Amino acid sequence: MNMFLRVLLGLGGVLTVLSGILFIGGGELFNSVFASEGINAGGALFSAFGVAGLVIGGLGCWGAFGDKKLPAGIFCAITLLFWPIGTLYAVVCITLMFVGNKDAADTVKS
């Protein structure tokens, strides 16, 4: 895999893991603040977003550091759909994956 692609996937994966950790912490904070007011809702949603961020970030890190194209492709597809700036990010990553794949196919043919 292309080194630039691996750096992009690694940075995206690490940022997604960090945002997942922040969402889990935010869920606990949200729950503690509003539970004192008698409202006990919303903390679970933050925690679910946090766990999803950890899983998606894990896919990105696995694709980058494990040099695997399947988790990298899944990570790019998820960021393409669910992360606003991820559309541009995922298009660049997918393009680099296809360019890298074309070079590998040419070496197999010869």
N, C-alpha and C. Protein backbone atom coordinates (compact mmCIF):
# COMPACT_ATOMS: atom_id res chain seq x y z
N MET A 1 0.84 -1.17 0.00
CA MET A 1 0.00 0.00 0.00
C MET A 1 0.89 1.24 0.00
N ASN A 2 0.38 2.29 -0.56
CA ASN A 2 1.09 3.57 -0.65
C ASN A 2 1.34 4.14 0.75
N MET A 3 2.54 4.69 0.97
CA MET A 3 2.88 5.23 2.29
C MET A 3 2.00 6.43 2.65
N PHE A 4 1.69 7.28 1.68
CA PHE A 4 0.82 8.43 1.93
C PHE A 4 -0.57 7.96 2.35
N LEU A 5 -1.06 6.91 1.72
CA LEU A 5 -2.36 6.34 2.07
C LEU A 5 -2.34 5.78 3.49
N ARG A 6 -1.26 5.11 3.84
CA ARG A 6 -1.15 4.55 5.19
C ARG A 6 -1.13 5.66 6.24
N VAL A 7 -0.45 6.77 5.94
CA VAL A 7 -0.43 7.90 6.88
C VAL A 7 -1.82 8.50 7.02
N LEU A 8 -2.53 8.67 5.90
CA LEU A 8 -3.89 9.21 5.95
C LEU A 8 -4.82 8.31 6.75
N LEU A 9 -4.74 7.00 6.50
CA LEU A 9 -5.59 6.06 7.22
C LEU A 9 -5.25 6.04 8.71
N GLY A 10 -3.96 6.08 9.02
CA GLY A 10 -3.55 6.08 10.42
C GLY A 10 -4.02 7.31 11.16
N LEU A 11 -3.86 8.47 10.54
CA LEU A 11 -4.32 9.72 11.17
C LEU A 11 -5.84 9.73 11.34
N GLY A 12 -6.54 9.29 10.31
CA GLY A 12 -8.01 9.23 10.42
C GLY A 12 -8.46 8.24 11.48
N GLY A 13 -7.80 7.09 11.56
CA GLY A 13 -8.15 6.11 12.57
C GLY A 13 -7.88 6.60 13.98
N VAL A 14 -6.73 7.22 14.18
CA VAL A 14 -6.38 7.73 15.51
C VAL A 14 -7.33 8.87 15.91
N LEU A 15 -7.65 9.77 14.98
CA LEU A 15 -8.59 10.85 15.30
C LEU A 15 -9.98 10.31 15.61
N THR A 16 -10.40 9.26 14.93
CA THR A 16 -11.71 8.67 15.20
C THR A 16 -11.73 7.98 16.56
N VAL A 17 -10.63 7.30 16.91
CA VAL A 17 -10.55 6.68 18.23
C VAL A 17 -10.58 7.75 19.32
N LEU A 18 -9.84 8.83 19.13
CA LEU A 18 -9.84 9.90 20.12
C LEU A 18 -11.22 10.55 20.26
N SER A 19 -11.91 10.74 19.15
CA SER A 19 -13.26 11.30 19.24
C SER A 19 -14.21 10.32 19.92
N GLY A 20 -14.00 9.02 19.71
CA GLY A 20 -14.81 8.02 20.41
C GLY A 20 -14.60 8.08 21.91
N ILE A 21 -13.35 8.25 22.33
CA ILE A 21 -13.06 8.38 23.76
C ILE A 21 -13.70 9.64 24.32
N LEU A 22 -13.65 10.74 23.56
CA LEU A 22 -14.29 11.98 24.01
C LEU A 22 -15.81 11.82 24.11
N PHE A 23 -16.42 11.10 23.18
CA PHE A 23 -17.86 10.89 23.25
C PHE A 23 -18.24 10.04 24.46
N ILE A 24 -17.42 9.04 24.78
CA ILE A 24 -17.72 8.23 25.96
C ILE A 24 -17.63 9.09 27.22
N GLY A 25 -16.59 9.90 27.31
CA GLY A 25 -16.49 10.82 28.45
C GLY A 25 -17.60 11.85 28.47
N GLY A 26 -17.98 12.33 27.30
CA GLY A 26 -19.08 13.29 27.21
C GLY A 26 -20.41 12.69 27.63
N GLY A 27 -20.60 11.41 27.34
CA GLY A 27 -21.82 10.73 27.77
C GLY A 27 -21.92 10.65 29.27
N GLU A 28 -20.80 10.37 29.91
CA GLU A 28 -20.79 10.33 31.38
C GLU A 28 -21.05 11.72 31.96
N LEU A 29 -20.45 12.73 31.37
CA LEU A 29 -20.66 14.10 31.84
C LEU A 29 -22.11 14.53 31.63
N PHE A 30 -22.64 14.23 30.45
CA PHE A 30 -24.03 14.57 30.13
C PHE A 30 -24.98 13.90 31.11
N ASN A 31 -24.72 12.62 31.39
CA ASN A 31 -25.57 11.87 32.29
C ASN A 31 -25.50 12.42 33.70
N SER A 32 -24.31 12.79 34.16
CA SER A 32 -24.17 13.28 35.53
C SER A 32 -24.81 14.66 35.70
N VAL A 33 -24.74 15.50 34.69
CA VAL A 33 -25.32 16.84 34.80
C VAL A 33 -26.84 16.78 34.78
N PHE A 34 -27.40 16.04 33.83
CA PHE A 34 -28.85 16.03 33.69
C PHE A 34 -29.53 15.06 34.65
N ALA A 35 -28.80 14.09 35.20
CA ALA A 35 -29.41 13.20 36.19
C ALA A 35 -29.71 13.96 37.47
N SER A 36 -28.91 14.98 37.78
CA SER A 36 -29.18 15.78 38.97
C SER A 36 -30.45 16.61 38.81
N GLU A 37 -30.85 16.86 37.58
CA GLU A 37 -32.08 17.61 37.31
C GLU A 37 -33.29 16.69 37.18
N GLY A 38 -33.08 15.40 37.28
CA GLY A 38 -34.19 14.45 37.16
C GLY A 38 -34.38 13.92 35.76
N ILE A 39 -33.52 14.29 34.83
CA ILE A 39 -33.61 13.81 33.45
C ILE A 39 -32.55 12.73 33.27
N ASN A 40 -32.97 11.54 32.94
CA ASN A 40 -32.02 10.44 32.79
C ASN A 40 -32.09 9.91 31.36
N ALA A 41 -31.63 10.70 30.42
CA ALA A 41 -31.66 10.28 29.02
C ALA A 41 -30.50 10.94 28.29
N GLY A 42 -30.04 10.31 27.25
CA GLY A 42 -29.02 10.91 26.41
C GLY A 42 -27.62 10.40 26.64
N GLY A 43 -27.30 9.95 27.83
CA GLY A 43 -25.95 9.46 28.10
C GLY A 43 -25.64 8.20 27.31
N ALA A 44 -26.66 7.36 27.12
CA ALA A 44 -26.45 6.12 26.38
C ALA A 44 -26.17 6.41 24.90
N LEU A 45 -26.79 7.44 24.37
CA LEU A 45 -26.56 7.80 22.97
C LEU A 45 -25.12 8.26 22.77
N PHE A 46 -24.62 9.08 23.69
CA PHE A 46 -23.23 9.50 23.61
C PHE A 46 -22.30 8.30 23.71
N SER A 47 -22.61 7.37 24.61
CA SER A 47 -21.76 6.19 24.77
C SER A 47 -21.80 5.31 23.52
N ALA A 48 -22.97 5.21 22.89
CA ALA A 48 -23.07 4.41 21.65
C ALA A 48 -22.24 5.05 20.54
N PHE A 49 -22.28 6.37 20.43
CA PHE A 49 -21.44 7.05 19.44
C PHE A 49 -19.96 6.83 19.75
N GLY A 50 -19.62 6.84 21.02
CA GLY A 50 -18.23 6.61 21.42
C GLY A 50 -17.74 5.22 21.06
N VAL A 51 -18.55 4.22 21.33
CA VAL A 51 -18.16 2.84 20.99
C VAL A 51 -18.07 2.68 19.47
N ALA A 52 -19.01 3.28 18.74
CA ALA A 52 -18.94 3.23 17.28
C ALA A 52 -17.67 3.90 16.78
N GLY A 53 -17.30 5.02 17.39
CA GLY A 53 -16.05 5.70 17.02
C GLY A 53 -14.83 4.84 17.28
N LEU A 54 -14.83 4.11 18.40
CA LEU A 54 -13.71 3.22 18.70
C LEU A 54 -13.61 2.09 17.67
N VAL A 55 -14.75 1.53 17.29
CA VAL A 55 -14.74 0.43 16.31
C VAL A 55 -14.30 0.93 14.94
N ILE A 56 -14.85 2.05 14.51
CA ILE A 56 -14.50 2.60 13.20
C ILE A 56 -13.04 3.03 13.17
N GLY A 57 -12.57 3.67 14.24
CA GLY A 57 -11.16 4.05 14.33
C GLY A 57 -10.25 2.84 14.35
N GLY A 58 -10.71 1.77 14.99
CA GLY A 58 -9.94 0.53 14.98
C GLY A 58 -9.79 -0.03 13.57
N LEU A 59 -10.84 0.07 12.77
CA LEU A 59 -10.75 -0.36 11.37
C LEU A 59 -9.72 0.46 10.60
N GLY A 60 -9.73 1.77 10.83
CA GLY A 60 -8.76 2.64 10.16
C GLY A 60 -7.33 2.32 10.56
N CYS A 61 -7.11 2.12 11.86
CA CYS A 61 -5.76 1.78 12.33
C CYS A 61 -5.33 0.41 11.84
N TRP A 62 -6.26 -0.54 11.82
CA TRP A 62 -5.95 -1.89 11.33
C TRP A 62 -5.59 -1.83 9.85
N GLY A 63 -6.32 -1.03 9.09
CA GLY A 63 -6.01 -0.89 7.67
C GLY A 63 -4.67 -0.21 7.42
N ALA A 64 -4.30 0.73 8.29
CA ALA A 64 -3.05 1.47 8.09
C ALA A 64 -1.85 0.68 8.59
N PHE A 65 -1.92 0.21 9.82
CA PHE A 65 -0.76 -0.42 10.43
C PHE A 65 -0.65 -1.90 10.09
N GLY A 66 -1.77 -2.53 9.73
CA GLY A 66 -1.75 -3.93 9.36
C GLY A 66 -1.56 -4.14 7.87
N ASP A 67 -1.54 -3.06 7.10
CA ASP A 67 -1.37 -3.11 5.64
C ASP A 67 -2.43 -4.00 4.99
N LYS A 68 -3.67 -3.86 5.45
CA LYS A 68 -4.79 -4.62 4.91
C LYS A 68 -5.71 -3.69 4.14
N LYS A 69 -6.15 -4.13 2.97
CA LYS A 69 -7.00 -3.27 2.14
C LYS A 69 -8.48 -3.39 2.49
N LEU A 70 -8.93 -4.54 2.99
CA LEU A 70 -10.34 -4.69 3.30
C LEU A 70 -10.79 -3.77 4.44
N PRO A 71 -10.11 -3.77 5.61
CA PRO A 71 -10.54 -2.83 6.65
C PRO A 71 -10.34 -1.37 6.24
N ALA A 72 -9.33 -1.10 5.43
CA ALA A 72 -9.12 0.27 4.95
C ALA A 72 -10.29 0.69 4.05
N GLY A 73 -10.75 -0.21 3.20
CA GLY A 73 -11.89 0.10 2.34
C GLY A 73 -13.18 0.29 3.12
N ILE A 74 -13.39 -0.54 4.15
CA ILE A 74 -14.58 -0.39 4.99
C ILE A 74 -14.52 0.93 5.74
N PHE A 75 -13.35 1.27 6.27
CA PHE A 75 -13.18 2.54 6.97
C PHE A 75 -13.47 3.71 6.04
N CYS A 76 -12.97 3.64 4.82
CA CYS A 76 -13.22 4.72 3.85
C CYS A 76 -14.70 4.81 3.48
N ALA A 77 -15.36 3.66 3.33
CA ALA A 77 -16.78 3.68 2.98
C ALA A 77 -17.62 4.28 4.11
N ILE A 78 -17.27 3.95 5.35
CA ILE A 78 -18.02 4.50 6.49
C ILE A 78 -17.77 6.00 6.61
N THR A 79 -16.53 6.42 6.47
CA THR A 79 -16.25 7.86 6.58
C THR A 79 -16.84 8.62 5.39
N LEU A 80 -16.96 7.97 4.26
CA LEU A 80 -17.58 8.61 3.09
C LEU A 80 -19.04 8.96 3.39
N LEU A 81 -19.71 8.11 4.13
CA LEU A 81 -21.14 8.32 4.39
C LEU A 81 -21.44 9.13 5.65
N PHE A 82 -20.66 8.94 6.71
CA PHE A 82 -21.09 9.44 8.01
C PHE A 82 -20.25 10.56 8.59
N TRP A 83 -19.22 10.99 7.94
CA TRP A 83 -18.36 12.04 8.48
C TRP A 83 -18.37 13.18 7.48
N PRO A 84 -18.80 14.39 7.84
CA PRO A 84 -18.96 15.46 6.84
C PRO A 84 -17.70 15.76 6.03
N ILE A 85 -16.57 15.95 6.69
CA ILE A 85 -15.33 16.20 5.94
C ILE A 85 -14.76 14.88 5.41
N GLY A 86 -15.31 13.78 5.89
CA GLY A 86 -14.84 12.48 5.45
C GLY A 86 -15.13 12.18 4.00
N THR A 87 -16.05 12.90 3.39
CA THR A 87 -16.33 12.68 1.98
C THR A 87 -15.09 12.96 1.14
N LEU A 88 -14.49 14.11 1.32
CA LEU A 88 -13.27 14.44 0.60
C LEU A 88 -12.13 13.51 1.01
N TYR A 89 -12.01 13.27 2.31
CA TYR A 89 -10.97 12.39 2.85
C TYR A 89 -11.08 10.99 2.25
N ALA A 90 -12.29 10.43 2.24
CA ALA A 90 -12.48 9.08 1.74
C ALA A 90 -12.26 9.00 0.24
N VAL A 91 -12.65 10.02 -0.50
CA VAL A 91 -12.42 10.01 -1.95
C VAL A 91 -10.92 9.99 -2.25
N VAL A 92 -10.14 10.77 -1.51
CA VAL A 92 -8.69 10.76 -1.69
C VAL A 92 -8.12 9.39 -1.34
N CYS A 93 -8.56 8.81 -0.22
CA CYS A 93 -8.05 7.50 0.19
C CYS A 93 -8.44 6.40 -0.79
N ILE A 94 -9.68 6.40 -1.24
CA ILE A 94 -10.13 5.37 -2.19
C ILE A 94 -9.39 5.52 -3.51
N THR A 95 -9.18 6.75 -3.96
CA THR A 95 -8.42 6.98 -5.19
C THR A 95 -7.00 6.44 -5.05
N LEU A 96 -6.37 6.71 -3.93
CA LEU A 96 -5.01 6.19 -3.70
C LEU A 96 -5.00 4.66 -3.63
N MET A 97 -6.08 4.07 -3.08
CA MET A 97 -6.15 2.61 -3.04
C MET A 97 -6.24 2.04 -4.44
N PHE A 98 -7.06 2.66 -5.31
CA PHE A 98 -7.19 2.16 -6.67
C PHE A 98 -5.92 2.38 -7.48
N VAL A 99 -5.24 3.50 -7.27
CA VAL A 99 -3.98 3.75 -7.97
C VAL A 99 -2.95 2.73 -7.53
N GLY A 100 -2.88 2.45 -6.23
CA GLY A 100 -1.95 1.44 -5.73
C GLY A 100 -2.30 0.06 -6.22
N ASN A 101 -3.58 -0.24 -6.36
CA ASN A 101 -4.02 -1.54 -6.85
C ASN A 101 -3.68 -1.71 -8.32
N LYS A 102 -3.75 -0.64 -9.11
CA LYS A 102 -3.42 -0.71 -10.53
C LYS A 102 -1.95 -1.07 -10.71
N ASP A 103 -1.08 -0.47 -9.89
CA ASP A 103 0.35 -0.80 -9.98
C ASP A 103 0.60 -2.26 -9.64
N ALA A 104 -0.12 -2.79 -8.66
CA ALA A 104 0.06 -4.19 -8.27
C ALA A 104 -0.43 -5.12 -9.38
N ALA A 105 -1.53 -4.74 -10.06
CA ALA A 105 -2.05 -5.58 -11.13
C ALA A 105 -1.10 -5.61 -12.32
N ASP A 106 -0.43 -4.49 -12.60
CA ASP A 106 0.52 -4.46 -13.71
C ASP A 106 1.71 -5.37 -13.44
N THR A 107 2.16 -5.45 -12.21
CA THR A 107 3.30 -6.31 -11.91
C THR A 107 2.92 -7.78 -11.97
N VAL A 108 1.66 -8.09 -11.68
CA VAL A 108 1.22 -9.49 -11.75
C VAL A 108 1.12 -9.94 -13.20
N LYS A 109 0.68 -9.06 -14.09
CA LYS A 109 0.52 -9.42 -15.50
C LYS A 109 1.85 -9.72 -16.17
N SER A 110 2.90 -9.01 -15.81
CA SER A 110 4.17 -9.19 -16.52
C SER A 110 4.99 -10.32 -15.98
